[in-house]
Amino acid sequence: MVDKPAKQLQNYFEATVELMKILACVCGHAHLNQFRADDLTTYKRDSAHLTGVNYAGVVLL
């Protein structure tokens, strides 16, 4: 049946949105539409270099 997988997908999306709302609050935003590129970060150096997203890892000097 399609009903069970559809409900599981709905649950996944609803949980994801709730977590995104928590992240928005932690970043000081009242709504999801207030996220900015500066709110993003990655621990993968290659991803940061390729995308321009801030790198949050350790840089060895």
C-alpha atoms as a PDB file:
ATOM      1  CA  MET A   1       0.000   0.000   0.000  1.00  0.00           C
ATOM      2  CA  VAL A   2       1.025   3.579  -0.578  1.00  0.00           C
ATOM      3  CA  ASP A   3      -0.504   4.875   2.655  1.00  0.00           C
ATOM      4  CA  LYS A   4       2.297   3.788   5.014  1.00  0.00           C
ATOM      5  CA  PRO A   5       5.219   5.109   2.905  1.00  0.00           C
ATOM      6  CA  ALA A   6       3.283   8.330   2.243  1.00  0.00           C
ATOM      7  CA  LYS A   7       2.733   8.833   5.981  1.00  0.00           C
ATOM      8  CA  GLN A   8       6.419   8.121   6.679  1.00  0.00           C
ATOM      9  CA  LEU A   9       7.433  10.707   4.079  1.00  0.00           C
ATOM     10  CA  GLN A  10       5.022  13.228   5.593  1.00  0.00           C
ATOM     11  CA  ASN A  11       6.489  12.580   9.050  1.00  0.00           C
ATOM     12  CA  TYR A  12      10.010  13.044   7.679  1.00  0.00           C
ATOM     13  CA  PHE A  13       9.177  16.377   6.054  1.00  0.00           C
ATOM     14  CA  GLU A  14       7.336  17.652   9.128  1.00  0.00           C
ATOM     15  CA  ALA A  15      10.229  16.686  11.413  1.00  0.00           C
ATOM     16  CA  THR A  16      12.720  18.305   9.029  1.00  0.00           C
ATOM     17  CA  VAL A  17      10.781  21.572   9.016  1.00  0.00           C
ATOM     18  CA  GLU A  18      10.602  21.555  12.822  1.00  0.00           C
ATOM     19  CA  LEU A  19      14.375  21.093  13.054  1.00  0.00           C
ATOM     20  CA  MET A  20      14.888  23.887  10.528  1.00  0.00           C
ATOM     21  CA  LYS A  21      12.742  26.162  12.717  1.00  0.00           C
ATOM     22  CA  ILE A  22      14.945  25.340  15.707  1.00  0.00           C
ATOM     23  CA  LEU A  23      18.046  26.139  13.653  1.00  0.00           C
ATOM     24  CA  ALA A  24      16.488  29.438  12.596  1.00  0.00           C
ATOM     25  CA  CYS A  25      15.942  30.378  16.253  1.00  0.00           C
ATOM     26  CA  VAL A  26      19.502  29.414  17.151  1.00  0.00           C
ATOM     27  CA  CYS A  27      20.733  31.659  14.338  1.00  0.00           C
ATOM     28  CA  GLY A  28      18.627  34.514  15.735  1.00  0.00           C
ATOM     29  CA  HIS A  29      15.869  34.398  13.134  1.00  0.00           C
ATOM     30  CA  ALA A  30      12.113  34.403  13.722  1.00  0.00           C
ATOM     31  CA  HIS A  31      11.278  32.751  10.367  1.00  0.00           C
ATOM     32  CA  LEU A  32      12.888  30.309   7.947  1.00  0.00           C
ATOM     33  CA  ASN A  33      12.885  32.934   5.188  1.00  0.00           C
ATOM     34  CA  GLN A  34      15.404  34.954   7.201  1.00  0.00           C
ATOM     35  CA  PHE A  35      18.244  32.470   6.649  1.00  0.00           C
ATOM     36  CA  ARG A  36      21.238  33.957   4.800  1.00  0.00           C
ATOM     37  CA  ALA A  37      24.290  32.451   3.169  1.00  0.00           C
ATOM     38  CA  ASP A  38      26.306  33.619   6.202  1.00  0.00           C
ATOM     39  CA  ASP A  39      24.320  31.196   8.364  1.00  0.00           C
ATOM     40  CA  LEU A  40      25.810  28.230   6.500  1.00  0.00           C
ATOM     41  CA  THR A  41      29.028  26.480   7.402  1.00  0.00           C
ATOM     42  CA  THR A  42      30.726  23.217   6.530  1.00  0.00           C
ATOM     43  CA  TYR A  43      33.425  21.073   8.060  1.00  0.00           C
ATOM     44  CA  LYS A  44      34.525  19.818   4.638  1.00  0.00           C
ATOM     45  CA  ARG A  45      37.310  21.961   3.259  1.00  0.00           C
ATOM     46  CA  ASP A  46      36.727  20.984  -0.355  1.00  0.00           C
ATOM     47  CA  SER A  47      33.030  21.827  -0.101  1.00  0.00           C
ATOM     48  CA  ALA A  48      33.852  25.215   1.403  1.00  0.00           C
ATOM     49  CA  HIS A  49      36.353  25.944  -1.353  1.00  0.00           C
ATOM     50  CA  LEU A  50      33.978  24.889  -4.150  1.00  0.00           C
ATOM     51  CA  THR A  51      30.841  26.603  -2.820  1.00  0.00           C
ATOM     52  CA  GLY A  52      32.110  29.650  -0.942  1.00  0.00           C
ATOM     53  CA  VAL A  53      30.372  28.441   2.230  1.00  0.00           C
ATOM     54  CA  ASN A  54      32.268  29.269   5.427  1.00  0.00           C
ATOM     55  CA  TYR A  55      34.700  26.582   6.582  1.00  0.00           C
ATOM     56  CA  ALA A  56      34.353  25.576  10.241  1.00  0.00           C
ATOM     57  CA  GLY A  57      37.173  23.061  10.413  1.00  0.00           C
ATOM     58  CA  VAL A  58      40.670  23.315  11.754  1.00  0.00           C
ATOM     59  CA  VAL A  59      43.318  24.975   9.612  1.00  0.00           C
ATOM     60  CA  LEU A  60      46.823  23.797  10.342  1.00  0.00           C
ATOM     61  CA  LEU A  61      49.440  26.514   9.990  1.00  0.00           C
END
